[in-house]
N, C-alpha and C. Protein backbone atom coordinates (compact mmCIF):
# COMPACT_ATOMS: atom_id res chain seq x y z
N UNK A 1 19.18 8.93 3.49
CA UNK A 1 18.24 9.07 2.36
C UNK A 1 17.15 8.01 2.46
N UNK A 2 15.93 8.43 2.24
CA UNK A 2 14.81 7.50 2.30
C UNK A 2 14.86 6.53 1.12
N UNK A 3 14.44 5.30 1.37
CA UNK A 3 14.34 4.30 0.30
C UNK A 3 12.87 4.04 0.01
N UNK A 4 12.42 4.43 -1.18
CA UNK A 4 11.03 4.24 -1.56
C UNK A 4 10.83 2.88 -2.22
N UNK A 5 9.65 2.32 -1.98
CA UNK A 5 9.21 1.13 -2.71
C UNK A 5 7.91 1.49 -3.41
N UNK A 6 7.92 1.38 -4.72
CA UNK A 6 6.73 1.70 -5.51
C UNK A 6 5.88 0.44 -5.63
N UNK A 7 4.61 0.56 -5.30
CA UNK A 7 3.69 -0.57 -5.41
C UNK A 7 2.33 -0.13 -5.90
N UNK A 8 1.38 -1.03 -5.90
CA UNK A 8 0.05 -0.74 -6.45
C UNK A 8 -1.05 -1.19 -5.48
N UNK A 9 -2.25 -0.72 -5.77
CA UNK A 9 -3.44 -1.08 -4.99
C UNK A 9 -3.98 -2.38 -5.57
N UNK A 10 -3.53 -3.48 -4.99
CA UNK A 10 -3.90 -4.80 -5.50
C UNK A 10 -2.98 -5.26 -6.62
N UNK A 11 -2.99 -6.55 -6.89
CA UNK A 11 -2.19 -7.10 -7.99
C UNK A 11 -3.05 -7.84 -9.02
N UNK A 12 -4.35 -7.92 -8.77
CA UNK A 12 -5.24 -8.64 -9.68
C UNK A 12 -6.11 -7.63 -10.44
N UNK A 13 -5.65 -7.30 -11.63
CA UNK A 13 -6.38 -6.35 -12.48
C UNK A 13 -6.54 -6.99 -13.87
N UNK A 14 -7.78 -7.09 -14.33
CA UNK A 14 -8.05 -7.80 -15.58
C UNK A 14 -7.29 -7.21 -16.76
N UNK A 15 -7.16 -5.89 -16.81
CA UNK A 15 -6.51 -5.28 -17.97
C UNK A 15 -4.99 -5.46 -17.97
N UNK A 16 -4.44 -6.03 -16.88
CA UNK A 16 -3.01 -6.33 -16.88
C UNK A 16 -2.69 -7.60 -17.66
N UNK A 17 -3.70 -8.45 -17.86
CA UNK A 17 -3.46 -9.70 -18.57
C UNK A 17 -3.18 -9.40 -20.04
N UNK A 18 -1.99 -9.76 -20.47
CA UNK A 18 -1.58 -9.48 -21.85
C UNK A 18 -0.77 -8.22 -21.99
N UNK A 19 -0.94 -7.27 -21.05
CA UNK A 19 -0.14 -6.04 -21.09
C UNK A 19 0.96 -6.06 -20.03
N UNK A 20 0.69 -6.67 -18.88
CA UNK A 20 1.70 -6.85 -17.84
C UNK A 20 1.93 -8.33 -17.58
N UNK A 21 0.88 -9.05 -17.27
CA UNK A 21 1.00 -10.50 -17.11
C UNK A 21 0.96 -11.17 -18.48
N UNK A 22 1.80 -12.17 -18.71
CA UNK A 22 1.70 -12.95 -19.95
C UNK A 22 0.31 -13.57 -20.09
N UNK A 23 -0.18 -13.67 -21.31
CA UNK A 23 -1.53 -14.20 -21.56
C UNK A 23 -1.74 -15.58 -20.95
N UNK A 24 -0.69 -16.39 -20.95
CA UNK A 24 -0.83 -17.78 -20.50
C UNK A 24 -0.44 -17.97 -19.04
N UNK A 25 -0.25 -16.86 -18.30
CA UNK A 25 0.14 -16.98 -16.90
C UNK A 25 -1.06 -17.37 -16.05
N UNK A 26 -1.00 -18.49 -15.32
CA UNK A 26 -2.12 -18.86 -14.45
C UNK A 26 -2.36 -17.80 -13.37
N UNK A 27 -3.61 -17.61 -13.00
CA UNK A 27 -3.94 -16.61 -11.99
C UNK A 27 -3.20 -16.87 -10.68
N UNK A 28 -3.01 -18.15 -10.35
CA UNK A 28 -2.34 -18.51 -9.10
C UNK A 28 -0.88 -18.07 -9.09
N UNK A 29 -0.31 -17.75 -10.26
CA UNK A 29 1.09 -17.35 -10.33
C UNK A 29 1.26 -15.83 -10.43
N UNK A 30 0.15 -15.12 -10.46
CA UNK A 30 0.24 -13.68 -10.68
C UNK A 30 0.99 -12.96 -9.56
N UNK A 31 0.75 -13.33 -8.31
CA UNK A 31 1.43 -12.65 -7.21
C UNK A 31 2.93 -12.89 -7.26
N UNK A 32 3.32 -14.11 -7.56
CA UNK A 32 4.75 -14.42 -7.68
C UNK A 32 5.39 -13.56 -8.77
N UNK A 33 4.69 -13.41 -9.90
CA UNK A 33 5.18 -12.59 -11.01
C UNK A 33 5.25 -11.12 -10.58
N UNK A 34 4.19 -10.65 -9.94
CA UNK A 34 4.11 -9.26 -9.50
C UNK A 34 5.23 -8.93 -8.51
N UNK A 35 5.50 -9.85 -7.59
CA UNK A 35 6.47 -9.59 -6.53
C UNK A 35 7.90 -9.48 -7.06
N UNK A 36 8.13 -9.94 -8.29
CA UNK A 36 9.44 -9.78 -8.91
C UNK A 36 9.61 -8.40 -9.52
N UNK A 37 8.50 -7.67 -9.65
CA UNK A 37 8.53 -6.33 -10.24
C UNK A 37 8.36 -5.25 -9.17
N UNK A 38 7.38 -5.46 -8.29
CA UNK A 38 7.12 -4.55 -7.17
C UNK A 38 7.30 -5.32 -5.87
N UNK A 39 7.88 -4.64 -4.90
CA UNK A 39 8.17 -5.30 -3.62
C UNK A 39 7.20 -4.90 -2.52
N UNK A 40 6.10 -4.25 -2.91
CA UNK A 40 5.09 -3.87 -1.94
C UNK A 40 3.73 -3.81 -2.62
N UNK A 41 2.68 -4.14 -1.88
CA UNK A 41 1.32 -4.06 -2.42
C UNK A 41 0.38 -3.66 -1.29
N UNK A 42 -0.63 -2.87 -1.64
CA UNK A 42 -1.72 -2.53 -0.73
C UNK A 42 -2.95 -3.30 -1.20
N UNK A 43 -3.45 -4.19 -0.36
CA UNK A 43 -4.56 -5.07 -0.76
C UNK A 43 -5.89 -4.43 -0.38
N UNK A 44 -6.79 -4.23 -1.35
CA UNK A 44 -8.12 -3.66 -1.04
C UNK A 44 -8.90 -4.55 -0.08
N UNK A 45 -9.73 -3.93 0.74
CA UNK A 45 -10.58 -4.69 1.65
C UNK A 45 -11.54 -5.59 0.88
N UNK A 46 -11.96 -5.15 -0.30
CA UNK A 46 -12.88 -5.95 -1.12
C UNK A 46 -12.26 -7.27 -1.56
N UNK A 47 -10.93 -7.40 -1.41
CA UNK A 47 -10.25 -8.64 -1.76
C UNK A 47 -9.92 -9.47 -0.52
N UNK A 48 -9.20 -8.86 0.45
CA UNK A 48 -8.74 -9.68 1.58
C UNK A 48 -9.87 -10.20 2.45
N UNK A 49 -11.01 -9.47 2.50
CA UNK A 49 -12.07 -9.93 3.40
C UNK A 49 -12.73 -11.22 2.91
N UNK A 50 -12.45 -11.61 1.65
CA UNK A 50 -13.01 -12.86 1.11
C UNK A 50 -11.95 -13.95 0.95
N UNK A 51 -10.72 -13.69 1.40
CA UNK A 51 -9.70 -14.72 1.31
C UNK A 51 -10.06 -15.90 2.22
N UNK A 52 -9.92 -17.09 1.70
CA UNK A 52 -10.07 -18.28 2.52
C UNK A 52 -8.71 -18.61 3.14
N UNK A 53 -8.68 -19.44 4.19
CA UNK A 53 -7.39 -19.84 4.76
C UNK A 53 -6.46 -20.46 3.72
N UNK A 54 -7.03 -21.22 2.78
CA UNK A 54 -6.22 -21.84 1.74
C UNK A 54 -5.61 -20.78 0.82
N UNK A 55 -6.38 -19.73 0.52
CA UNK A 55 -5.87 -18.65 -0.33
C UNK A 55 -4.76 -17.89 0.38
N UNK A 56 -4.93 -17.65 1.67
CA UNK A 56 -3.89 -16.95 2.43
C UNK A 56 -2.61 -17.79 2.47
N UNK A 57 -2.78 -19.09 2.64
CA UNK A 57 -1.61 -19.97 2.64
C UNK A 57 -0.91 -19.96 1.29
N UNK A 58 -1.69 -19.92 0.21
CA UNK A 58 -1.09 -19.86 -1.14
C UNK A 58 -0.33 -18.55 -1.33
N UNK A 59 -0.86 -17.46 -0.78
CA UNK A 59 -0.17 -16.17 -0.85
C UNK A 59 1.16 -16.25 -0.11
N UNK A 60 1.13 -16.85 1.08
CA UNK A 60 2.36 -16.99 1.86
C UNK A 60 3.42 -17.78 1.11
N UNK A 61 2.98 -18.76 0.33
CA UNK A 61 3.93 -19.58 -0.43
C UNK A 61 4.40 -18.89 -1.70
N UNK A 62 3.68 -17.84 -2.15
CA UNK A 62 4.02 -17.16 -3.40
C UNK A 62 5.04 -16.05 -3.21
N UNK A 63 5.17 -15.55 -1.99
CA UNK A 63 6.03 -14.40 -1.76
C UNK A 63 7.31 -14.81 -1.06
N UNK A 64 8.33 -14.00 -1.26
CA UNK A 64 9.61 -14.23 -0.61
C UNK A 64 9.78 -13.24 0.53
N UNK A 65 10.74 -13.51 1.39
CA UNK A 65 11.04 -12.61 2.49
C UNK A 65 11.39 -11.23 1.95
N UNK A 66 10.87 -10.19 2.59
CA UNK A 66 11.16 -8.84 2.13
C UNK A 66 10.08 -8.23 1.27
N UNK A 67 9.06 -9.03 0.91
CA UNK A 67 7.92 -8.49 0.17
C UNK A 67 6.90 -7.99 1.19
N UNK A 68 6.51 -6.71 1.05
CA UNK A 68 5.67 -6.07 2.06
C UNK A 68 4.20 -6.02 1.62
N UNK A 69 3.33 -6.41 2.53
CA UNK A 69 1.90 -6.37 2.29
C UNK A 69 1.25 -5.40 3.27
N UNK A 70 0.49 -4.44 2.74
CA UNK A 70 -0.35 -3.57 3.54
C UNK A 70 -1.81 -3.93 3.24
N UNK A 71 -2.65 -3.86 4.26
CA UNK A 71 -4.06 -4.18 4.10
C UNK A 71 -4.89 -2.91 4.26
N UNK A 72 -5.79 -2.66 3.30
CA UNK A 72 -6.65 -1.48 3.33
C UNK A 72 -7.93 -1.78 4.11
N UNK A 73 -8.45 -0.73 4.76
CA UNK A 73 -9.65 -0.90 5.57
C UNK A 73 -10.46 0.39 5.53
N UNK A 74 -11.74 0.27 5.23
CA UNK A 74 -12.64 1.42 5.26
C UNK A 74 -13.33 1.44 6.61
N UNK A 75 -12.85 2.31 7.48
CA UNK A 75 -13.36 2.36 8.85
C UNK A 75 -14.82 2.79 8.92
N UNK A 76 -15.28 3.53 7.92
CA UNK A 76 -16.64 4.08 7.97
C UNK A 76 -17.71 3.07 7.53
N UNK A 77 -17.28 1.93 7.01
CA UNK A 77 -18.24 0.89 6.63
C UNK A 77 -18.64 0.07 7.84
N UNK A 78 -19.74 -0.68 7.70
CA UNK A 78 -20.23 -1.51 8.81
C UNK A 78 -19.23 -2.59 9.20
N UNK A 79 -18.37 -2.99 8.26
CA UNK A 79 -17.39 -4.02 8.57
C UNK A 79 -16.02 -3.41 8.88
N UNK A 80 -16.04 -2.25 9.56
CA UNK A 80 -14.81 -1.59 9.97
C UNK A 80 -14.27 -2.19 11.26
N UNK A 81 -13.42 -1.42 11.94
CA UNK A 81 -12.72 -1.95 13.11
C UNK A 81 -13.65 -2.23 14.29
N UNK A 82 -14.87 -1.68 14.26
CA UNK A 82 -15.80 -1.95 15.34
C UNK A 82 -16.49 -3.30 15.17
N UNK A 83 -16.31 -3.91 14.02
CA UNK A 83 -16.94 -5.20 13.75
C UNK A 83 -15.99 -6.32 14.19
N UNK A 84 -16.37 -7.13 15.19
CA UNK A 84 -15.48 -8.20 15.67
C UNK A 84 -15.08 -9.19 14.58
N UNK A 85 -15.98 -9.42 13.60
CA UNK A 85 -15.66 -10.36 12.52
C UNK A 85 -14.52 -9.82 11.66
N UNK A 86 -14.50 -8.49 11.46
CA UNK A 86 -13.42 -7.89 10.68
C UNK A 86 -12.08 -8.04 11.38
N UNK A 87 -12.06 -7.75 12.67
CA UNK A 87 -10.82 -7.88 13.44
C UNK A 87 -10.38 -9.34 13.49
N UNK A 88 -11.32 -10.25 13.62
CA UNK A 88 -10.98 -11.67 13.64
C UNK A 88 -10.38 -12.11 12.31
N UNK A 89 -10.95 -11.60 11.21
CA UNK A 89 -10.43 -11.92 9.88
C UNK A 89 -9.00 -11.39 9.73
N UNK A 90 -8.78 -10.15 10.13
CA UNK A 90 -7.45 -9.56 10.05
C UNK A 90 -6.46 -10.33 10.92
N UNK A 91 -6.90 -10.72 12.10
CA UNK A 91 -6.04 -11.48 13.00
C UNK A 91 -5.60 -12.79 12.37
N UNK A 92 -6.54 -13.45 11.70
CA UNK A 92 -6.23 -14.72 11.04
C UNK A 92 -5.24 -14.52 9.90
N UNK A 93 -5.44 -13.47 9.10
CA UNK A 93 -4.53 -13.20 7.99
C UNK A 93 -3.13 -12.91 8.50
N UNK A 94 -3.05 -12.07 9.53
CA UNK A 94 -1.73 -11.72 10.08
C UNK A 94 -1.05 -12.94 10.68
N UNK A 95 -1.81 -13.82 11.32
CA UNK A 95 -1.21 -15.01 11.92
C UNK A 95 -0.62 -15.93 10.85
N UNK A 96 -1.25 -15.97 9.67
CA UNK A 96 -0.77 -16.84 8.59
C UNK A 96 0.35 -16.21 7.77
N UNK A 97 0.28 -14.88 7.57
CA UNK A 97 1.28 -14.20 6.75
C UNK A 97 2.44 -13.64 7.56
N UNK A 98 2.25 -13.55 8.88
CA UNK A 98 3.33 -13.11 9.75
C UNK A 98 3.80 -11.70 9.45
N UNK A 99 5.13 -11.54 9.47
CA UNK A 99 5.71 -10.20 9.32
C UNK A 99 5.61 -9.68 7.89
N UNK A 100 5.10 -10.47 6.97
CA UNK A 100 4.88 -9.96 5.60
C UNK A 100 3.82 -8.87 5.61
N UNK A 101 2.88 -8.94 6.55
CA UNK A 101 1.91 -7.85 6.74
C UNK A 101 2.59 -6.80 7.61
N UNK A 102 2.94 -5.67 7.01
CA UNK A 102 3.75 -4.68 7.73
C UNK A 102 2.94 -3.48 8.20
N UNK A 103 1.68 -3.35 7.76
CA UNK A 103 0.90 -2.21 8.20
C UNK A 103 -0.50 -2.21 7.62
N UNK A 104 -1.29 -1.23 8.07
CA UNK A 104 -2.66 -1.07 7.60
C UNK A 104 -2.87 0.36 7.10
N UNK A 105 -3.71 0.49 6.09
CA UNK A 105 -4.10 1.80 5.56
C UNK A 105 -5.60 1.93 5.75
N UNK A 106 -6.00 2.94 6.52
CA UNK A 106 -7.41 3.09 6.91
C UNK A 106 -7.98 4.37 6.31
N UNK A 107 -9.12 4.23 5.62
CA UNK A 107 -9.88 5.39 5.15
C UNK A 107 -10.94 5.70 6.20
N UNK A 108 -10.98 6.93 6.69
CA UNK A 108 -11.97 7.26 7.71
C UNK A 108 -12.30 8.74 7.67
N UNK A 109 -13.60 9.05 7.66
CA UNK A 109 -14.06 10.44 7.75
C UNK A 109 -14.74 10.69 9.10
N UNK A 110 -14.60 9.75 10.01
CA UNK A 110 -15.08 9.92 11.38
C UNK A 110 -13.85 9.98 12.29
N UNK A 111 -13.99 10.54 13.48
CA UNK A 111 -12.85 10.63 14.40
C UNK A 111 -12.18 9.27 14.58
N UNK A 112 -10.87 9.26 14.51
CA UNK A 112 -10.12 8.01 14.50
C UNK A 112 -8.89 8.17 15.38
N UNK A 113 -8.68 7.26 16.32
CA UNK A 113 -7.58 7.41 17.26
C UNK A 113 -6.61 6.23 17.28
N UNK A 114 -6.92 5.16 16.55
CA UNK A 114 -6.03 3.99 16.57
C UNK A 114 -4.66 4.35 15.98
N UNK A 115 -3.61 4.02 16.68
CA UNK A 115 -2.26 4.21 16.15
C UNK A 115 -1.67 2.91 15.64
N UNK A 116 -2.17 1.80 16.16
CA UNK A 116 -1.70 0.49 15.72
C UNK A 116 -2.88 -0.47 15.65
N UNK A 117 -2.71 -1.53 14.92
CA UNK A 117 -3.69 -2.61 14.83
C UNK A 117 -2.91 -3.91 14.70
N UNK A 118 -3.14 -4.83 15.62
CA UNK A 118 -2.43 -6.11 15.63
C UNK A 118 -0.92 -5.89 15.62
N UNK A 119 -0.49 -4.86 16.37
CA UNK A 119 0.92 -4.51 16.54
C UNK A 119 1.56 -4.07 15.22
N UNK A 120 0.73 -3.60 14.28
CA UNK A 120 1.22 -3.03 13.03
C UNK A 120 0.81 -1.55 12.97
N UNK A 121 1.66 -0.69 12.37
CA UNK A 121 1.32 0.73 12.29
C UNK A 121 0.20 1.00 11.31
N UNK A 122 -0.46 2.13 11.51
CA UNK A 122 -1.60 2.53 10.67
C UNK A 122 -1.29 3.82 9.95
N UNK A 123 -1.64 3.86 8.67
CA UNK A 123 -1.68 5.10 7.90
C UNK A 123 -3.13 5.49 7.72
N UNK A 124 -3.48 6.70 8.10
CA UNK A 124 -4.85 7.18 7.97
C UNK A 124 -4.98 8.06 6.73
N UNK A 125 -6.03 7.83 5.93
CA UNK A 125 -6.35 8.67 4.78
C UNK A 125 -7.71 9.29 5.05
N UNK A 126 -7.75 10.62 5.13
CA UNK A 126 -8.97 11.31 5.52
C UNK A 126 -8.93 12.75 5.00
N UNK A 127 -10.09 13.29 4.67
CA UNK A 127 -10.14 14.68 4.24
C UNK A 127 -10.14 15.65 5.41
N UNK A 128 -10.37 15.16 6.63
CA UNK A 128 -10.51 16.08 7.75
C UNK A 128 -9.84 15.66 9.05
N UNK A 129 -9.28 14.46 9.11
CA UNK A 129 -8.65 14.00 10.34
C UNK A 129 -7.21 13.59 10.07
N UNK A 130 -6.34 13.77 11.09
CA UNK A 130 -4.93 13.39 10.98
C UNK A 130 -4.48 12.69 12.24
N UNK A 131 -3.61 11.70 12.08
CA UNK A 131 -2.92 11.10 13.20
C UNK A 131 -1.66 11.90 13.49
N UNK A 132 -1.10 11.76 14.69
CA UNK A 132 0.13 12.51 15.00
C UNK A 132 1.34 11.97 14.24
N UNK A 133 2.42 12.67 14.34
CA UNK A 133 3.72 12.34 13.76
C UNK A 133 3.84 12.88 12.34
N UNK A 134 3.42 12.11 11.36
CA UNK A 134 3.65 12.49 9.96
C UNK A 134 2.34 12.83 9.26
N UNK A 135 2.37 13.87 8.40
CA UNK A 135 1.21 14.22 7.57
C UNK A 135 1.68 14.65 6.18
N UNK A 136 0.86 14.33 5.20
CA UNK A 136 1.10 14.75 3.81
C UNK A 136 -0.24 14.92 3.13
N UNK A 137 -0.43 16.02 2.43
CA UNK A 137 -1.71 16.28 1.76
C UNK A 137 -1.56 16.04 0.27
N UNK A 138 -2.54 15.33 -0.29
CA UNK A 138 -2.51 14.99 -1.71
C UNK A 138 -3.93 14.75 -2.20
N UNK A 139 -4.31 15.38 -3.30
CA UNK A 139 -5.60 15.14 -3.94
C UNK A 139 -6.77 15.36 -3.00
N UNK A 140 -6.66 16.38 -2.16
CA UNK A 140 -7.76 16.74 -1.28
C UNK A 140 -7.91 15.91 -0.03
N UNK A 141 -6.94 15.03 0.25
CA UNK A 141 -6.99 14.23 1.46
C UNK A 141 -5.66 14.33 2.20
N UNK A 142 -5.71 14.05 3.48
CA UNK A 142 -4.51 13.99 4.30
C UNK A 142 -4.12 12.53 4.51
N UNK A 143 -2.83 12.26 4.37
CA UNK A 143 -2.28 10.97 4.78
C UNK A 143 -1.48 11.25 6.03
N UNK A 144 -1.64 10.42 7.06
CA UNK A 144 -0.97 10.69 8.32
C UNK A 144 -0.71 9.40 9.08
N UNK A 145 0.12 9.54 10.13
CA UNK A 145 0.48 8.38 10.92
C UNK A 145 1.75 7.73 10.41
N UNK A 146 1.66 6.48 10.01
CA UNK A 146 2.80 5.78 9.45
C UNK A 146 3.06 6.27 8.02
N UNK A 147 4.26 6.72 7.70
CA UNK A 147 4.52 7.27 6.36
C UNK A 147 4.24 6.28 5.24
N UNK A 148 3.37 6.68 4.33
CA UNK A 148 3.02 5.87 3.16
C UNK A 148 2.47 6.81 2.10
N UNK A 149 3.06 6.77 0.91
CA UNK A 149 2.57 7.60 -0.19
C UNK A 149 1.41 6.94 -0.90
N UNK A 150 0.50 7.76 -1.40
CA UNK A 150 -0.68 7.26 -2.10
C UNK A 150 -1.12 8.28 -3.15
N UNK A 151 -1.43 7.81 -4.33
CA UNK A 151 -2.08 8.66 -5.32
C UNK A 151 -3.07 7.82 -6.11
N UNK A 152 -4.24 8.37 -6.34
CA UNK A 152 -5.24 7.71 -7.18
C UNK A 152 -5.19 8.27 -8.59
N UNK A 153 -4.31 9.25 -8.83
CA UNK A 153 -4.20 9.89 -10.13
C UNK A 153 -2.73 10.09 -10.48
N UNK A 154 -2.07 9.02 -10.87
CA UNK A 154 -0.66 9.12 -11.22
C UNK A 154 -0.50 9.89 -12.52
N UNK A 155 0.24 11.01 -12.49
CA UNK A 155 0.44 11.78 -13.73
C UNK A 155 1.20 10.95 -14.77
N UNK A 156 0.91 11.20 -16.03
CA UNK A 156 1.64 10.53 -17.10
C UNK A 156 2.95 11.25 -17.40
N UNK A 157 2.97 12.55 -17.16
CA UNK A 157 4.15 13.36 -17.46
C UNK A 157 5.27 13.07 -16.45
N UNK A 158 6.48 12.85 -16.98
CA UNK A 158 7.61 12.51 -16.13
C UNK A 158 7.97 13.61 -15.15
N UNK A 159 7.85 14.87 -15.57
CA UNK A 159 8.18 15.98 -14.68
C UNK A 159 7.18 16.05 -13.52
N UNK A 160 5.92 15.77 -13.82
CA UNK A 160 4.91 15.78 -12.76
C UNK A 160 5.12 14.60 -11.80
N UNK A 161 5.54 13.47 -12.34
CA UNK A 161 5.84 12.33 -11.48
C UNK A 161 7.03 12.65 -10.56
N UNK A 162 8.03 13.32 -11.12
CA UNK A 162 9.19 13.72 -10.33
C UNK A 162 8.78 14.65 -9.20
N UNK A 163 7.95 15.64 -9.53
CA UNK A 163 7.49 16.60 -8.51
C UNK A 163 6.69 15.90 -7.43
N UNK A 164 5.89 14.89 -7.81
CA UNK A 164 5.08 14.14 -6.86
C UNK A 164 5.97 13.43 -5.85
N UNK A 165 6.98 12.72 -6.33
CA UNK A 165 7.86 11.99 -5.43
C UNK A 165 8.67 12.93 -4.55
N UNK A 166 9.14 14.02 -5.12
CA UNK A 166 9.94 14.97 -4.33
C UNK A 166 9.10 15.62 -3.24
N UNK A 167 7.84 15.90 -3.53
CA UNK A 167 6.96 16.50 -2.53
C UNK A 167 6.71 15.50 -1.40
N UNK A 168 6.52 14.24 -1.75
CA UNK A 168 6.30 13.22 -0.73
C UNK A 168 7.54 13.07 0.15
N UNK A 169 8.70 12.95 -0.46
CA UNK A 169 9.93 12.78 0.30
C UNK A 169 10.19 14.00 1.19
N UNK A 170 9.86 15.18 0.69
CA UNK A 170 10.02 16.40 1.49
C UNK A 170 9.18 16.32 2.76
N UNK A 171 8.00 15.71 2.67
CA UNK A 171 7.14 15.61 3.85
C UNK A 171 7.76 14.74 4.93
N UNK A 172 8.63 13.81 4.53
CA UNK A 172 9.26 12.92 5.49
C UNK A 172 10.31 13.63 6.34
N UNK A 173 10.82 14.75 5.85
CA UNK A 173 11.85 15.48 6.59
C UNK A 173 11.31 16.03 7.90
N UNK A 174 10.00 16.20 7.99
CA UNK A 174 9.39 16.72 9.22
C UNK A 174 9.49 15.71 10.36
N UNK A 175 9.88 14.48 10.06
CA UNK A 175 9.99 13.46 11.09
C UNK A 175 11.30 13.56 11.86
N UNK A 176 12.16 14.50 11.46
CA UNK A 176 13.43 14.73 12.16
C UNK A 176 14.28 13.47 12.27
N UNK A 177 14.31 12.73 11.17
CA UNK A 177 15.18 11.56 11.13
C UNK A 177 14.56 10.28 11.63
N UNK A 178 13.35 10.36 12.21
CA UNK A 178 12.74 9.14 12.74
C UNK A 178 12.33 8.19 11.63
N UNK A 179 12.14 8.73 10.39
CA UNK A 179 11.75 7.86 9.28
C UNK A 179 12.84 6.86 8.94
N UNK A 180 14.10 7.13 9.39
CA UNK A 180 15.19 6.21 9.10
C UNK A 180 15.00 4.88 9.84
N UNK A 181 14.14 4.86 10.88
CA UNK A 181 13.87 3.62 11.59
C UNK A 181 13.07 2.66 10.71
N UNK A 182 12.38 3.18 9.72
CA UNK A 182 11.62 2.34 8.80
C UNK A 182 12.52 2.07 7.61
N UNK A 183 12.84 0.81 7.37
CA UNK A 183 13.83 0.47 6.35
C UNK A 183 13.43 1.00 4.98
N UNK A 184 12.17 0.83 4.63
CA UNK A 184 11.69 1.32 3.34
C UNK A 184 10.36 2.04 3.56
N UNK A 185 10.06 2.96 2.65
CA UNK A 185 8.80 3.69 2.72
C UNK A 185 8.01 3.40 1.45
N UNK A 186 6.77 2.92 1.58
CA UNK A 186 5.98 2.56 0.39
C UNK A 186 5.35 3.78 -0.27
N UNK A 187 5.20 3.68 -1.57
CA UNK A 187 4.42 4.66 -2.32
C UNK A 187 3.50 3.85 -3.23
N UNK A 188 2.19 3.99 -2.99
CA UNK A 188 1.20 3.13 -3.63
C UNK A 188 0.43 3.89 -4.72
N UNK A 189 0.29 3.23 -5.87
CA UNK A 189 -0.48 3.78 -6.99
C UNK A 189 -1.86 3.12 -7.00
N UNK A 190 -2.90 3.94 -6.89
CA UNK A 190 -4.27 3.44 -6.95
C UNK A 190 -4.98 3.99 -8.17
N UNK A 191 -6.28 4.03 -8.10
CA UNK A 191 -7.06 4.55 -9.23
C UNK A 191 -7.89 3.47 -9.89
N UNK A 192 -8.79 3.91 -10.77
CA UNK A 192 -9.70 2.97 -11.44
C UNK A 192 -8.99 2.06 -12.42
N UNK A 193 -7.94 2.56 -13.06
CA UNK A 193 -7.21 1.76 -14.04
C UNK A 193 -5.72 2.06 -13.92
N UNK A 194 -5.02 1.19 -13.22
CA UNK A 194 -3.59 1.37 -13.00
C UNK A 194 -2.82 0.84 -14.21
N UNK A 195 -2.00 1.70 -14.79
CA UNK A 195 -1.19 1.31 -15.95
C UNK A 195 0.21 0.98 -15.48
N UNK A 196 0.62 -0.27 -15.65
CA UNK A 196 1.92 -0.70 -15.14
C UNK A 196 3.08 -0.03 -15.85
N UNK A 197 2.88 0.44 -17.08
CA UNK A 197 3.95 1.15 -17.75
C UNK A 197 4.26 2.46 -17.03
N UNK A 198 3.20 3.14 -16.55
CA UNK A 198 3.41 4.37 -15.80
C UNK A 198 4.02 4.07 -14.42
N UNK A 199 3.64 2.96 -13.83
CA UNK A 199 4.25 2.55 -12.56
C UNK A 199 5.74 2.29 -12.77
N UNK A 200 6.09 1.63 -13.88
CA UNK A 200 7.49 1.38 -14.19
C UNK A 200 8.24 2.69 -14.38
N UNK A 201 7.60 3.67 -15.04
CA UNK A 201 8.23 4.98 -15.23
C UNK A 201 8.51 5.63 -13.88
N UNK A 202 7.53 5.54 -12.96
CA UNK A 202 7.70 6.14 -11.64
C UNK A 202 8.84 5.45 -10.89
N UNK A 203 8.95 4.14 -11.02
CA UNK A 203 10.04 3.43 -10.37
C UNK A 203 11.39 3.89 -10.89
N UNK A 204 11.47 4.09 -12.21
CA UNK A 204 12.72 4.55 -12.81
C UNK A 204 13.08 5.94 -12.30
N UNK A 205 12.09 6.83 -12.25
CA UNK A 205 12.33 8.18 -11.75
C UNK A 205 12.78 8.14 -10.29
N UNK A 206 12.14 7.29 -9.50
CA UNK A 206 12.53 7.15 -8.09
C UNK A 206 13.98 6.74 -7.97
N UNK A 207 14.40 5.80 -8.79
CA UNK A 207 15.79 5.33 -8.75
C UNK A 207 16.75 6.43 -9.18
N UNK A 208 16.38 7.19 -10.22
CA UNK A 208 17.24 8.28 -10.68
C UNK A 208 17.38 9.37 -9.62
N UNK A 209 16.34 9.56 -8.84
CA UNK A 209 16.38 10.57 -7.77
C UNK A 209 17.14 10.07 -6.54
N UNK A 210 17.51 8.81 -6.57
CA UNK A 210 18.25 8.25 -5.45
C UNK A 210 17.38 7.75 -4.33
N UNK A 211 16.08 7.57 -4.62
CA UNK A 211 15.16 7.07 -3.61
C UNK A 211 15.04 5.55 -3.68
């Protein structure tokens, strides 16, 4: 049986202060607090590309072993994988965070052939291109390559959330058991305004389904 980890697109959201994070929680402690609730996060490129070495070191000190970090990358932007500065930045982050960086999620609407980056697997999100091995279609886009769930529109209804998770897990069966090599499979909640109460509901449903 697959083991899902429910996470979010970033951990720094202003509207979480007071609703998820305590009002008096210092910003520097937010990741530590978040990692006690979710064991995986997908970091937007708009955040990691501005991390200083000191910030990366602080992140490394805030997380415990077993917390998974995925880094997002928009391949179609000028600072995509063809930009040496972008690759150098990613290389530096991976060198400091080590195995805590477990993969990359790439948005691309141009032909894309990378299967790995810095010896980490890639999940491709695209409306028209797919990597080999695993594919899942959601919200008009294909997710392919390294198995990773993504939704930018998490339903509020519990039955719809259940159907979402079951459909994703069903897609993993096409791997003929190879997904068992990956200890856990992430499912990331994105969108303009992520509500942690709904994320908590999804986690509960995942646990009840045995994921």
